[in-house]
Amino acid sequence: MDKIVERYYQVKQTQKELEQELADLRQAILDYCRERETMNLDLDTHVVKLVSQNRREYDEQKLYEVLPDLELWRMLSKPDSAKIASLVKLNVIAEEKIKDTYTLKPVTVLQVDKK
């Protein structure tokens, strides 16, 4: 069991290092594109696209006020954009009802594809 736990620890450390490297590389690509004021790069071996999106960030108190059904609130437990979007799509929650419970946060999605 010691070997398994040690390997788990090593893999978690490697994962953290890789996630940090990915974040650094992503930022370098975003900076490069912003400096050139482009949303697309067509390189020899890869295609890079930057896609602008808006993500919802919910205000927990406002959301709780418009969702008085405790069963519904228990399903969410805390504002989870994916769960809320699913409930809206299933018509369990009306989009109109929650329109003032979130702010939109602009994000840039980086897509890199091999040619």
PDB file of N, CA and C in Angstrom:
ATOM      1  N   MET A   1       0.824  -1.196   0.000  1.00  0.00           N
ATOM      2  CA  MET A   1       0.000   0.000   0.000  1.00  0.00           C
ATOM      3  C   MET A   1       0.867   1.259   0.000  1.00  0.00           C
ATOM      4  N   ASP A   2       2.029   1.210   0.663  1.00  0.00           N
ATOM      5  CA  ASP A   2       2.925   2.364   0.686  1.00  0.00           C
ATOM      6  C   ASP A   2       3.321   2.799  -0.722  1.00  0.00           C
ATOM      7  N   LYS A   3       3.595   1.814  -1.585  1.00  0.00           N
ATOM      8  CA  LYS A   3       3.990   2.122  -2.961  1.00  0.00           C
ATOM      9  C   LYS A   3       2.857   2.792  -3.726  1.00  0.00           C
ATOM     10  N   ILE A   4       1.646   2.328  -3.493  1.00  0.00           N
ATOM     11  CA  ILE A   4       0.482   2.902  -4.167  1.00  0.00           C
ATOM     12  C   ILE A   4       0.281   4.349  -3.723  1.00  0.00           C
ATOM     13  N   VAL A   5       0.353   4.574  -2.430  1.00  0.00           N
ATOM     14  CA  VAL A   5       0.187   5.927  -1.888  1.00  0.00           C
ATOM     15  C   VAL A   5       1.307   6.834  -2.385  1.00  0.00           C
ATOM     16  N   GLU A   6       2.531   6.330  -2.389  1.00  0.00           N
ATOM     17  CA  GLU A   6       3.663   7.123  -2.883  1.00  0.00           C
ATOM     18  C   GLU A   6       3.476   7.474  -4.356  1.00  0.00           C
ATOM     19  N   ARG A   7       3.046   6.510  -5.155  1.00  0.00           N
ATOM     20  CA  ARG A   7       2.816   6.768  -6.586  1.00  0.00           C
ATOM     21  C   ARG A   7       1.690   7.771  -6.774  1.00  0.00           C
ATOM     22  N   TYR A   8       0.635   7.641  -5.989  1.00  0.00           N
ATOM     23  CA  TYR A   8      -0.474   8.597  -6.050  1.00  0.00           C
ATOM     24  C   TYR A   8       0.043  10.007  -5.784  1.00  0.00           C
ATOM     25  N   TYR A   9       0.857  10.143  -4.742  1.00  0.00           N
ATOM     26  CA  TYR A   9       1.423  11.439  -4.383  1.00  0.00           C
ATOM     27  C   TYR A   9       2.263  11.984  -5.533  1.00  0.00           C
ATOM     28  N   GLN A  10       3.088  11.143  -6.132  1.00  0.00           N
ATOM     29  CA  GLN A  10       3.941  11.570  -7.252  1.00  0.00           C
ATOM     30  C   GLN A  10       3.100  12.040  -8.443  1.00  0.00           C
ATOM     31  N   VAL A  11       2.070  11.282  -8.752  1.00  0.00           N
ATOM     32  CA  VAL A  11       1.216  11.637  -9.891  1.00  0.00           C
ATOM     33  C   VAL A  11       0.480  12.947  -9.618  1.00  0.00           C
ATOM     34  N   LYS A  12       0.007  13.155  -8.392  1.00  0.00           N
ATOM     35  CA  LYS A  12      -0.657  14.417  -8.034  1.00  0.00           C
ATOM     36  C   LYS A  12       0.311  15.590  -8.182  1.00  0.00           C
ATOM     37  N   GLN A  13       1.561  15.402  -7.760  1.00  0.00           N
ATOM     38  CA  GLN A  13       2.560  16.459  -7.899  1.00  0.00           C
ATOM     39  C   GLN A  13       2.811  16.764  -9.371  1.00  0.00           C
ATOM     40  N   THR A  14       2.921  15.726 -10.174  1.00  0.00           N
ATOM     41  CA  THR A  14       3.117  15.897 -11.615  1.00  0.00           C
ATOM     42  C   THR A  14       1.921  16.613 -12.228  1.00  0.00           C
ATOM     43  N   GLN A  15       0.737  16.241 -11.789  1.00  0.00           N
ATOM     44  CA  GLN A  15      -0.486  16.888 -12.283  1.00  0.00           C
ATOM     45  C   GLN A  15      -0.451  18.389 -11.981  1.00  0.00           C
ATOM     46  N   LYS A  16      -0.080  18.760 -10.765  1.00  0.00           N
ATOM     47  CA  LYS A  16       0.002  20.179 -10.393  1.00  0.00           C
ATOM     48  C   LYS A  16       1.000  20.910 -11.277  1.00  0.00           C
ATOM     49  N   GLU A  17       2.161  20.271 -11.500  1.00  0.00           N
ATOM     50  CA  GLU A  17       3.180  20.884 -12.339  1.00  0.00           C
ATOM     51  C   GLU A  17       2.683  21.059 -13.771  1.00  0.00           C
ATOM     52  N   LEU A  18       2.010  20.037 -14.294  1.00  0.00           N
ATOM     53  CA  LEU A  18       1.482  20.110 -15.660  1.00  0.00           C
ATOM     54  C   LEU A  18       0.390  21.170 -15.782  1.00  0.00           C
ATOM     55  N   GLU A  19      -0.475  21.258 -14.776  1.00  0.00           N
ATOM     56  CA  GLU A  19      -1.528  22.272 -14.799  1.00  0.00           C
ATOM     57  C   GLU A  19      -0.930  23.674 -14.773  1.00  0.00           C
ATOM     58  N   GLN A  20       0.141  23.860 -14.005  1.00  0.00           N
ATOM     59  CA  GLN A  20       0.813  25.163 -13.967  1.00  0.00           C
ATOM     60  C   GLN A  20       1.459  25.468 -15.307  1.00  0.00           C
ATOM     61  N   GLU A  21       2.102  24.472 -15.904  1.00  0.00           N
ATOM     62  CA  GLU A  21       2.727  24.673 -17.217  1.00  0.00           C
ATOM     63  C   GLU A  21       1.672  24.995 -18.271  1.00  0.00           C
ATOM     64  N   LEU A  22       0.545  24.282 -18.231  1.00  0.00           N
ATOM     65  CA  LEU A  22      -0.555  24.570 -19.162  1.00  0.00           C
ATOM     66  C   LEU A  22      -1.049  26.006 -18.994  1.00  0.00           C
ATOM     67  N   ALA A  23      -1.206  26.444 -17.760  1.00  0.00           N
ATOM     68  CA  ALA A  23      -1.665  27.810 -17.501  1.00  0.00           C
ATOM     69  C   ALA A  23      -0.664  28.825 -18.052  1.00  0.00           C
ATOM     70  N   ASP A  24       0.624  28.567 -17.855  1.00  0.00           N
ATOM     71  CA  ASP A  24       1.661  29.470 -18.352  1.00  0.00           C
ATOM     72  C   ASP A  24       1.671  29.505 -19.878  1.00  0.00           C
ATOM     73  N   LEU A  25       1.580  28.341 -20.510  1.00  0.00           N
ATOM     74  CA  LEU A  25       1.564  28.274 -21.973  1.00  0.00           C
ATOM     75  C   LEU A  25       0.320  28.954 -22.539  1.00  0.00           C
ATOM     76  N   ARG A  26      -0.818  28.720 -21.897  1.00  0.00           N
ATOM     77  CA  ARG A  26      -2.063  29.355 -22.330  1.00  0.00           C
ATOM     78  C   ARG A  26      -1.920  30.871 -22.286  1.00  0.00           C
ATOM     79  N   GLN A  27      -1.358  31.378 -21.185  1.00  0.00           N
ATOM     80  CA  GLN A  27      -1.192  32.816 -21.043  1.00  0.00           C
ATOM     81  C   GLN A  27      -0.235  33.369 -22.096  1.00  0.00           C
ATOM     82  N   ALA A  28       0.818  32.638 -22.410  1.00  0.00           N
ATOM     83  CA  ALA A  28       1.768  33.079 -23.436  1.00  0.00           C
ATOM     84  C   ALA A  28       1.090  33.158 -24.800  1.00  0.00           C
ATOM     85  N   ILE A  29       0.240  32.176 -25.111  1.00  0.00           N
ATOM     86  CA  ILE A  29      -0.492  32.185 -26.385  1.00  0.00           C
ATOM     87  C   ILE A  29      -1.466  33.356 -26.421  1.00  0.00           C
ATOM     88  N   LEU A  30      -2.209  33.553 -25.323  1.00  0.00           N
ATOM     89  CA  LEU A  30      -3.158  34.674 -25.265  1.00  0.00           C
ATOM     90  C   LEU A  30      -2.433  36.008 -25.427  1.00  0.00           C
ATOM     91  N   ASP A  31      -1.305  36.174 -24.748  1.00  0.00           N
ATOM     92  CA  ASP A  31      -0.526  37.410 -24.851  1.00  0.00           C
ATOM     93  C   ASP A  31      -0.046  37.634 -26.283  1.00  0.00           C
ATOM     94  N   TYR A  32       0.445  36.584 -26.911  1.00  0.00           N
ATOM     95  CA  TYR A  32       0.934  36.662 -28.291  1.00  0.00           C
ATOM     96  C   TYR A  32      -0.182  37.131 -29.224  1.00  0.00           C
ATOM     97  N   CYS A  33      -1.365  36.530 -29.071  1.00  0.00           N
ATOM     98  CA  CYS A  33      -2.503  36.894 -29.927  1.00  0.00           C
ATOM     99  C   CYS A  33      -2.974  38.323 -29.643  1.00  0.00           C
ATOM    100  N   ARG A  34      -3.010  38.707 -28.395  1.00  0.00           N
ATOM    101  CA  ARG A  34      -3.445  40.068 -28.048  1.00  0.00           C
ATOM    102  C   ARG A  34      -2.480  41.113 -28.593  1.00  0.00           C
ATOM    103  N   GLU A  35      -1.185  40.836 -28.501  1.00  0.00           N
ATOM    104  CA  GLU A  35      -0.186  41.775 -29.036  1.00  0.00           C
ATOM    105  C   GLU A  35      -0.384  41.983 -30.537  1.00  0.00           C
ATOM    106  N   ARG A  36      -0.814  40.945 -31.225  1.00  0.00           N
ATOM    107  CA  ARG A  36      -1.018  41.012 -32.676  1.00  0.00           C
ATOM    108  C   ARG A  36      -2.472  41.317 -33.039  1.00  0.00           C
ATOM    109  N   GLU A  37      -3.292  41.505 -32.002  1.00  0.00           N
ATOM    110  CA  GLU A  37      -4.715  41.819 -32.183  1.00  0.00           C
ATOM    111  C   GLU A  37      -5.405  40.830 -33.121  1.00  0.00           C
ATOM    112  N   THR A  38      -5.188  39.545 -32.847  1.00  0.00           N
ATOM    113  CA  THR A  38      -5.801  38.497 -33.661  1.00  0.00           C
ATOM    114  C   THR A  38      -6.493  37.475 -32.772  1.00  0.00           C
ATOM    115  N   MET A  39      -7.525  36.875 -33.322  1.00  0.00           N
ATOM    116  CA  MET A  39      -8.250  35.819 -32.610  1.00  0.00           C
ATOM    117  C   MET A  39      -7.957  34.448 -33.236  1.00  0.00           C
ATOM    118  N   ASN A  40      -7.157  34.432 -34.311  1.00  0.00           N
ATOM    119  CA  ASN A  40      -6.842  33.187 -35.018  1.00  0.00           C
ATOM    120  C   ASN A  40      -5.379  33.171 -35.430  1.00  0.00           C
ATOM    121  N   LEU A  41      -4.778  32.015 -35.309  1.00  0.00           N
ATOM    122  CA  LEU A  41      -3.421  31.808 -35.816  1.00  0.00           C
ATOM    123  C   LEU A  41      -3.427  30.543 -36.652  1.00  0.00           C
ATOM    124  N   ASP A  42      -2.872  30.627 -37.840  1.00  0.00           N
ATOM    125  CA  ASP A  42      -2.753  29.453 -38.692  1.00  0.00           C
ATOM    126  C   ASP A  42      -1.275  29.146 -38.818  1.00  0.00           C
ATOM    127  N   LEU A  43      -0.790  28.218 -38.001  1.00  0.00           N
ATOM    128  CA  LEU A  43       0.624  27.875 -37.964  1.00  0.00           C
ATOM    129  C   LEU A  43       0.889  26.662 -38.848  1.00  0.00           C
ATOM    130  N   ASP A  44       2.137  26.282 -38.968  1.00  0.00           N
ATOM    131  CA  ASP A  44       2.487  25.142 -39.831  1.00  0.00           C
ATOM    132  C   ASP A  44       1.760  23.860 -39.436  1.00  0.00           C
ATOM    133  N   THR A  45       1.711  23.603 -38.131  1.00  0.00           N
ATOM    134  CA  THR A  45       1.164  22.313 -37.683  1.00  0.00           C
ATOM    135  C   THR A  45      -0.106  22.430 -36.846  1.00  0.00           C
ATOM    136  N   HIS A  46      -0.468  23.650 -36.449  1.00  0.00           N
ATOM    137  CA  HIS A  46      -1.617  23.829 -35.561  1.00  0.00           C
ATOM    138  C   HIS A  46      -2.433  25.053 -35.954  1.00  0.00           C
ATOM    139  N   VAL A  47      -3.680  25.026 -35.581  1.00  0.00           N
ATOM    140  CA  VAL A  47      -4.573  26.171 -35.744  1.00  0.00           C
ATOM    141  C   VAL A  47      -5.004  26.606 -34.350  1.00  0.00           C
ATOM    142  N   VAL A  48      -4.884  27.901 -34.084  1.00  0.00           N
ATOM    143  CA  VAL A  48      -5.246  28.453 -32.780  1.00  0.00           C
ATOM    144  C   VAL A  48      -6.434  29.383 -32.963  1.00  0.00           C
ATOM    145  N   LYS A  49      -7.455  29.215 -32.117  1.00  0.00           N
ATOM    146  CA  LYS A  49      -8.621  30.096 -32.132  1.00  0.00           C
ATOM    147  C   LYS A  49      -8.873  30.583 -30.717  1.00  0.00           C
ATOM    148  N   LEU A  50      -9.160  31.865 -30.605  1.00  0.00           N
ATOM    149  CA  LEU A  50      -9.602  32.422 -29.336  1.00  0.00           C
ATOM    150  C   LEU A  50     -11.082  32.710 -29.487  1.00  0.00           C
ATOM    151  N   VAL A  51     -11.868  32.199 -28.580  1.00  0.00           N
ATOM    152  CA  VAL A  51     -13.306  32.379 -28.634  1.00  0.00           C
ATOM    153  C   VAL A  51     -13.743  33.138 -27.387  1.00  0.00           C
ATOM    154  N   SER A  52     -14.378  34.300 -27.598  1.00  0.00           N
ATOM    155  CA  SER A  52     -14.868  35.088 -26.461  1.00  0.00           C
ATOM    156  C   SER A  52     -16.225  34.564 -26.024  1.00  0.00           C
ATOM    157  N   GLN A  53     -16.384  34.400 -24.734  1.00  0.00           N
ATOM    158  CA  GLN A  53     -17.641  33.930 -24.159  1.00  0.00           C
ATOM    159  C   GLN A  53     -17.934  34.733 -22.906  1.00  0.00           C
ATOM    160  N   ASN A  54     -19.181  34.693 -22.482  1.00  0.00           N
ATOM    161  CA  ASN A  54     -19.573  35.273 -21.200  1.00  0.00           C
ATOM    162  C   ASN A  54     -20.029  34.146 -20.293  1.00  0.00           C
ATOM    163  N   ARG A  55     -19.452  34.087 -19.106  1.00  0.00           N
ATOM    164  CA  ARG A  55     -19.855  33.085 -18.121  1.00  0.00           C
ATOM    165  C   ARG A  55     -20.661  33.761 -17.033  1.00  0.00           C
ATOM    166  N   ARG A  56     -21.666  33.079 -16.584  1.00  0.00           N
ATOM    167  CA  ARG A  56     -22.511  33.617 -15.522  1.00  0.00           C
ATOM    168  C   ARG A  56     -21.884  33.336 -14.159  1.00  0.00           C
ATOM    169  N   GLU A  57     -21.872  34.362 -13.332  1.00  0.00           N
ATOM    170  CA  GLU A  57     -21.459  34.213 -11.948  1.00  0.00           C
ATOM    171  C   GLU A  57     -22.648  34.612 -11.090  1.00  0.00           C
ATOM    172  N   TYR A  58     -23.223  33.634 -10.409  1.00  0.00           N
ATOM    173  CA  TYR A  58     -24.460  33.846  -9.665  1.00  0.00           C
ATOM    174  C   TYR A  58     -24.210  34.439  -8.291  1.00  0.00           C
ATOM    175  N   ASP A  59     -25.126  35.318  -7.888  1.00  0.00           N
ATOM    176  CA  ASP A  59     -25.155  35.869  -6.542  1.00  0.00           C
ATOM    177  C   ASP A  59     -26.016  34.911  -5.724  1.00  0.00           C
ATOM    178  N   GLU A  60     -25.408  34.249  -4.775  1.00  0.00           N
ATOM    179  CA  GLU A  60     -26.099  33.201  -4.014  1.00  0.00           C
ATOM    180  C   GLU A  60     -27.358  33.720  -3.317  1.00  0.00           C
ATOM    181  N   GLN A  61     -27.303  34.890  -2.700  1.00  0.00           N
ATOM    182  CA  GLN A  61     -28.446  35.435  -1.975  1.00  0.00           C
ATOM    183  C   GLN A  61     -29.593  35.759  -2.931  1.00  0.00           C
ATOM    184  N   LYS A  62     -29.284  36.404  -4.048  1.00  0.00           N
ATOM    185  CA  LYS A  62     -30.326  36.742  -5.026  1.00  0.00           C
ATOM    186  C   LYS A  62     -30.964  35.485  -5.601  1.00  0.00           C
ATOM    187  N   LEU A  63     -30.146  34.490  -5.868  1.00  0.00           N
ATOM    188  CA  LEU A  63     -30.665  33.238  -6.412  1.00  0.00           C
ATOM    189  C   LEU A  63     -31.572  32.554  -5.396  1.00  0.00           C
ATOM    190  N   TYR A  64     -31.152  32.540  -4.142  1.00  0.00           N
ATOM    191  CA  TYR A  64     -31.960  31.926  -3.090  1.00  0.00           C
ATOM    192  C   TYR A  64     -33.317  32.618  -2.965  1.00  0.00           C
ATOM    193  N   GLU A  65     -33.324  33.934  -3.116  1.00  0.00           N
ATOM    194  CA  GLU A  65     -34.578  34.694  -3.004  1.00  0.00           C
ATOM    195  C   GLU A  65     -35.575  34.358  -4.114  1.00  0.00           C
ATOM    196  N   VAL A  66     -35.076  34.061  -5.305  1.00  0.00           N
ATOM    197  CA  VAL A  66     -36.003  33.759  -6.405  1.00  0.00           C
ATOM    198  C   VAL A  66     -36.296  32.263  -6.534  1.00  0.00           C
ATOM    199  N   LEU A  67     -35.612  31.446  -5.745  1.00  0.00           N
ATOM    200  CA  LEU A  67     -35.867  30.008  -5.753  1.00  0.00           C
ATOM    201  C   LEU A  67     -36.326  29.572  -4.366  1.00  0.00           C
ATOM    202  N   PRO A  68     -37.554  29.944  -3.997  1.00  0.00           N
ATOM    203  CA  PRO A  68     -38.011  29.644  -2.645  1.00  0.00           C
ATOM    204  C   PRO A  68     -38.250  28.152  -2.389  1.00  0.00           C
ATOM    205  N   ASP A  69     -38.384  27.365  -3.450  1.00  0.00           N
ATOM    206  CA  ASP A  69     -38.614  25.938  -3.289  1.00  0.00           C
ATOM    207  C   ASP A  69     -37.347  25.296  -2.705  1.00  0.00           C
ATOM    208  N   LEU A  70     -37.428  24.845  -1.476  1.00  0.00           N
ATOM    209  CA  LEU A  70     -36.247  24.293  -0.795  1.00  0.00           C
ATOM    210  C   LEU A  70     -35.697  23.056  -1.495  1.00  0.00           C
ATOM    211  N   GLU A  71     -36.571  22.269  -2.105  1.00  0.00           N
ATOM    212  CA  GLU A  71     -36.101  21.087  -2.836  1.00  0.00           C
ATOM    213  C   GLU A  71     -35.208  21.507  -3.992  1.00  0.00           C
ATOM    214  N   LEU A  72     -35.608  22.564  -4.675  1.00  0.00           N
ATOM    215  CA  LEU A  72     -34.809  23.075  -5.779  1.00  0.00           C
ATOM    216  C   LEU A  72     -33.477  23.593  -5.261  1.00  0.00           C
ATOM    217  N   TRP A  73     -33.524  24.302  -4.165  1.00  0.00           N
ATOM    218  CA  TRP A  73     -32.293  24.850  -3.592  1.00  0.00           C
ATOM    219  C   TRP A  73     -31.352  23.727  -3.162  1.00  0.00           C
ATOM    220  N   ARG A  74     -31.904  22.654  -2.623  1.00  0.00           N
ATOM    221  CA  ARG A  74     -31.072  21.517  -2.212  1.00  0.00           C
ATOM    222  C   ARG A  74     -30.393  20.870  -3.404  1.00  0.00           C
ATOM    223  N   MET A  75     -31.081  20.881  -4.547  1.00  0.00           N
ATOM    224  CA  MET A  75     -30.476  20.313  -5.760  1.00  0.00           C
ATOM    225  C   MET A  75     -29.234  21.111  -6.159  1.00  0.00           C
ATOM    226  N   LEU A  76     -29.268  22.402  -5.894  1.00  0.00           N
ATOM    227  CA  LEU A  76     -28.139  23.255  -6.281  1.00  0.00           C
ATOM    228  C   LEU A  76     -27.083  23.296  -5.197  1.00  0.00           C
ATOM    229  N   SER A  77     -27.487  23.378  -3.958  1.00  0.00           N
ATOM    230  CA  SER A  77     -26.654  23.501  -2.762  1.00  0.00           C
ATOM    231  C   SER A  77     -25.746  24.730  -2.792  1.00  0.00           C
ATOM    232  N   LYS A  78     -25.193  25.047  -3.913  1.00  0.00           N
ATOM    233  CA  LYS A  78     -24.492  26.315  -4.116  1.00  0.00           C
ATOM    234  C   LYS A  78     -24.619  26.618  -5.608  1.00  0.00           C
ATOM    235  N   PRO A  79     -24.529  27.867  -5.989  1.00  0.00           N
ATOM    236  CA  PRO A  79     -24.709  28.187  -7.408  1.00  0.00           C
ATOM    237  C   PRO A  79     -23.703  27.452  -8.293  1.00  0.00           C
ATOM    238  N   ASP A  80     -24.216  26.600  -9.139  1.00  0.00           N
ATOM    239  CA  ASP A  80     -23.403  25.847 -10.088  1.00  0.00           C
ATOM    240  C   ASP A  80     -23.968  26.150 -11.469  1.00  0.00           C
ATOM    241  N   SER A  81     -23.235  26.880 -12.267  1.00  0.00           N
ATOM    242  CA  SER A  81     -23.723  27.345 -13.566  1.00  0.00           C
ATOM    243  C   SER A  81     -24.233  26.209 -14.446  1.00  0.00           C
ATOM    244  N   ALA A  82     -23.536  25.098 -14.462  1.00  0.00           N
ATOM    245  CA  ALA A  82     -23.954  23.975 -15.308  1.00  0.00           C
ATOM    246  C   ALA A  82     -25.288  23.396 -14.832  1.00  0.00           C
ATOM    247  N   LYS A  83     -25.442  23.231 -13.509  1.00  0.00           N
ATOM    248  CA  LYS A  83     -26.699  22.695 -12.980  1.00  0.00           C
ATOM    249  C   LYS A  83     -27.853  23.660 -13.228  1.00  0.00           C
ATOM    250  N   ILE A  84     -27.588  24.946 -13.024  1.00  0.00           N
ATOM    251  CA  ILE A  84     -28.639  25.943 -13.236  1.00  0.00           C
ATOM    252  C   ILE A  84     -29.043  25.973 -14.702  1.00  0.00           C
ATOM    253  N   ALA A  85     -28.060  25.926 -15.601  1.00  0.00           N
ATOM    254  CA  ALA A  85     -28.360  25.906 -17.040  1.00  0.00           C
ATOM    255  C   ALA A  85     -29.200  24.686 -17.390  1.00  0.00           C
ATOM    256  N   SER A  86     -28.903  23.544 -16.783  1.00  0.00           N
ATOM    257  CA  SER A  86     -29.696  22.333 -17.037  1.00  0.00           C
ATOM    258  C   SER A  86     -31.133  22.494 -16.557  1.00  0.00           C
ATOM    259  N   LEU A  87     -31.297  23.085 -15.373  1.00  0.00           N
ATOM    260  CA  LEU A  87     -32.647  23.295 -14.842  1.00  0.00           C
ATOM    261  C   LEU A  87     -33.439  24.273 -15.705  1.00  0.00           C
ATOM    262  N   VAL A  88     -32.763  25.277 -16.253  1.00  0.00           N
ATOM    263  CA  VAL A  88     -33.432  26.223 -17.155  1.00  0.00           C
ATOM    264  C   VAL A  88     -33.826  25.506 -18.438  1.00  0.00           C
ATOM    265  N   LYS A  89     -32.910  24.715 -18.981  1.00  0.00           N
ATOM    266  CA  LYS A  89     -33.163  23.987 -20.235  1.00  0.00           C
ATOM    267  C   LYS A  89     -34.331  23.010 -20.076  1.00  0.00           C
ATOM    268  N   LEU A  90     -34.451  22.425 -18.896  1.00  0.00           N
ATOM    269  CA  LEU A  90     -35.541  21.471 -18.622  1.00  0.00           C
ATOM    270  C   LEU A  90     -36.839  22.163 -18.204  1.00  0.00           C
ATOM    271  N   ASN A  91     -36.813  23.510 -18.198  1.00  0.00           N
ATOM    272  CA  ASN A  91     -37.973  24.314 -17.802  1.00  0.00           C
ATOM    273  C   ASN A  91     -38.391  24.098 -16.355  1.00  0.00           C
ATOM    274  N   VAL A  92     -37.454  23.710 -15.509  1.00  0.00           N
ATOM    275  CA  VAL A  92     -37.722  23.606 -14.078  1.00  0.00           C
ATOM    276  C   VAL A  92     -37.652  25.005 -13.475  1.00  0.00           C
ATOM    277  N   ILE A  93     -36.730  25.823 -14.010  1.00  0.00           N
ATOM    278  CA  ILE A  93     -36.586  27.218 -13.610  1.00  0.00           C
ATOM    279  C   ILE A  93     -36.771  28.073 -14.857  1.00  0.00           C
ATOM    280  N   ALA A  94     -37.536  29.154 -14.733  1.00  0.00           N
ATOM    281  CA  ALA A  94     -37.713  30.070 -15.862  1.00  0.00           C
ATOM    282  C   ALA A  94     -36.524  31.012 -15.944  1.00  0.00           C
ATOM    283  N   GLU A  95     -35.988  31.176 -17.141  1.00  0.00           N
ATOM    284  CA  GLU A  95     -34.854  32.096 -17.354  1.00  0.00           C
ATOM    285  C   GLU A  95     -35.198  33.488 -16.838  1.00  0.00           C
ATOM    286  N   GLU A  96     -36.412  33.918 -17.088  1.00  0.00           N
ATOM    287  CA  GLU A  96     -36.860  35.252 -16.664  1.00  0.00           C
ATOM    288  C   GLU A  96     -36.761  35.410 -15.143  1.00  0.00           C
ATOM    289  N   LYS A  97     -37.019  34.343 -14.427  1.00  0.00           N
ATOM    290  CA  LYS A  97     -37.026  34.396 -12.964  1.00  0.00           C
ATOM    291  C   LYS A  97     -35.627  34.646 -12.391  1.00  0.00           C
ATOM    292  N   ILE A  98     -34.594  34.151 -13.060  1.00  0.00           N
ATOM    293  CA  ILE A  98     -33.241  34.270 -12.514  1.00  0.00           C
ATOM    294  C   ILE A  98     -32.403  35.344 -13.202  1.00  0.00           C
ATOM    295  N   LYS A  99     -33.001  36.140 -14.073  1.00  0.00           N
ATOM    296  CA  LYS A  99     -32.239  37.093 -14.884  1.00  0.00           C
ATOM    297  C   LYS A  99     -31.437  38.109 -14.072  1.00  0.00           C
ATOM    298  N   ASP A 100     -31.844  38.438 -12.879  1.00  0.00           N
ATOM    299  CA  ASP A 100     -31.124  39.420 -12.063  1.00  0.00           C
ATOM    300  C   ASP A 100     -30.228  38.784 -10.996  1.00  0.00           C
ATOM    301  N   THR A 101     -30.012  37.492 -11.094  1.00  0.00           N
ATOM    302  CA  THR A 101     -29.251  36.799 -10.050  1.00  0.00           C
ATOM    303  C   THR A 101     -27.801  36.540 -10.431  1.00  0.00           C
ATOM    304  N   TYR A 102     -27.388  36.984 -11.606  1.00  0.00           N
ATOM    305  CA  TYR A 102     -26.019  36.719 -12.037  1.00  0.00           C
ATOM    306  C   TYR A 102     -25.436  37.906 -12.786  1.00  0.00           C
ATOM    307  N   THR A 103     -24.122  37.908 -12.874  1.00  0.00           N
ATOM    308  CA  THR A 103     -23.406  38.864 -13.713  1.00  0.00           C
ATOM    309  C   THR A 103     -22.664  38.050 -14.762  1.00  0.00           C
ATOM    310  N   LEU A 104     -22.393  38.679 -15.892  1.00  0.00           N
ATOM    311  CA  LEU A 104     -21.653  37.999 -16.945  1.00  0.00           C
ATOM    312  C   LEU A 104     -20.181  38.360 -16.842  1.00  0.00           C
ATOM    313  N   LYS A 105     -19.355  37.338 -16.853  1.00  0.00           N
ATOM    314  CA  LYS A 105     -17.908  37.527 -16.772  1.00  0.00           C
ATOM    315  C   LYS A 105     -17.320  37.128 -18.123  1.00  0.00           C
ATOM    316  N   PRO A 106     -16.684  38.077 -18.813  1.00  0.00           N
ATOM    317  CA  PRO A 106     -16.092  37.713 -20.097  1.00  0.00           C
ATOM    318  C   PRO A 106     -14.874  36.815 -19.900  1.00  0.00           C
ATOM    319  N   VAL A 107     -14.818  35.745 -20.680  1.00  0.00           N
ATOM    320  CA  VAL A 107     -13.678  34.829 -20.650  1.00  0.00           C
ATOM    321  C   VAL A 107     -13.266  34.530 -22.085  1.00  0.00           C
ATOM    322  N   THR A 108     -12.027  34.162 -22.252  1.00  0.00           N
ATOM    323  CA  THR A 108     -11.534  33.773 -23.565  1.00  0.00           C
ATOM    324  C   THR A 108     -11.173  32.304 -23.525  1.00  0.00           C
ATOM    325  N   VAL A 109     -11.774  31.534 -24.423  1.00  0.00           N
ATOM    326  CA  VAL A 109     -11.501  30.111 -24.514  1.00  0.00           C
ATOM    327  C   VAL A 109     -10.432  29.918 -25.582  1.00  0.00           C
ATOM    328  N   LEU A 110      -9.422  29.140 -25.258  1.00  0.00           N
ATOM    329  CA  LEU A 110      -8.336  28.872 -26.191  1.00  0.00           C
ATOM    330  C   LEU A 110      -8.558  27.492 -26.806  1.00  0.00           C
ATOM    331  N   GLN A 111      -8.603  27.450 -28.130  1.00  0.00           N
ATOM    332  CA  GLN A 111      -8.744  26.181 -28.842  1.00  0.00           C
ATOM    333  C   GLN A 111      -7.502  25.987 -29.701  1.00  0.00           C
ATOM    334  N   VAL A 112      -6.828  24.874 -29.518  1.00  0.00           N
ATOM    335  CA  VAL A 112      -5.676  24.547 -30.347  1.00  0.00           C
ATOM    336  C   VAL A 112      -5.948  23.197 -30.976  1.00  0.00           C
ATOM    337  N   ASP A 113      -5.916  23.163 -32.310  1.00  0.00           N
ATOM    338  CA  ASP A 113      -6.171  21.930 -33.047  1.00  0.00           C
ATOM    339  C   ASP A 113      -4.975  21.610 -33.934  1.00  0.00           C
ATOM    340  N   LYS A 114      -4.714  20.342 -34.106  1.00  0.00           N
ATOM    341  CA  LYS A 114      -3.652  19.923 -34.984  1.00  0.00           C
ATOM    342  C   LYS A 114      -4.185  19.892 -36.411  1.00  0.00           C
ATOM    343  N   LYS A 115      -3.362  20.300 -37.347  1.00  0.00           N
ATOM    344  CA  LYS A 115      -3.784  20.293 -38.762  1.00  0.00           C
ATOM    345  C   LYS A 115      -3.803  18.884 -39.298  1.00  0.00           C
TER     346      LYS A 115
END
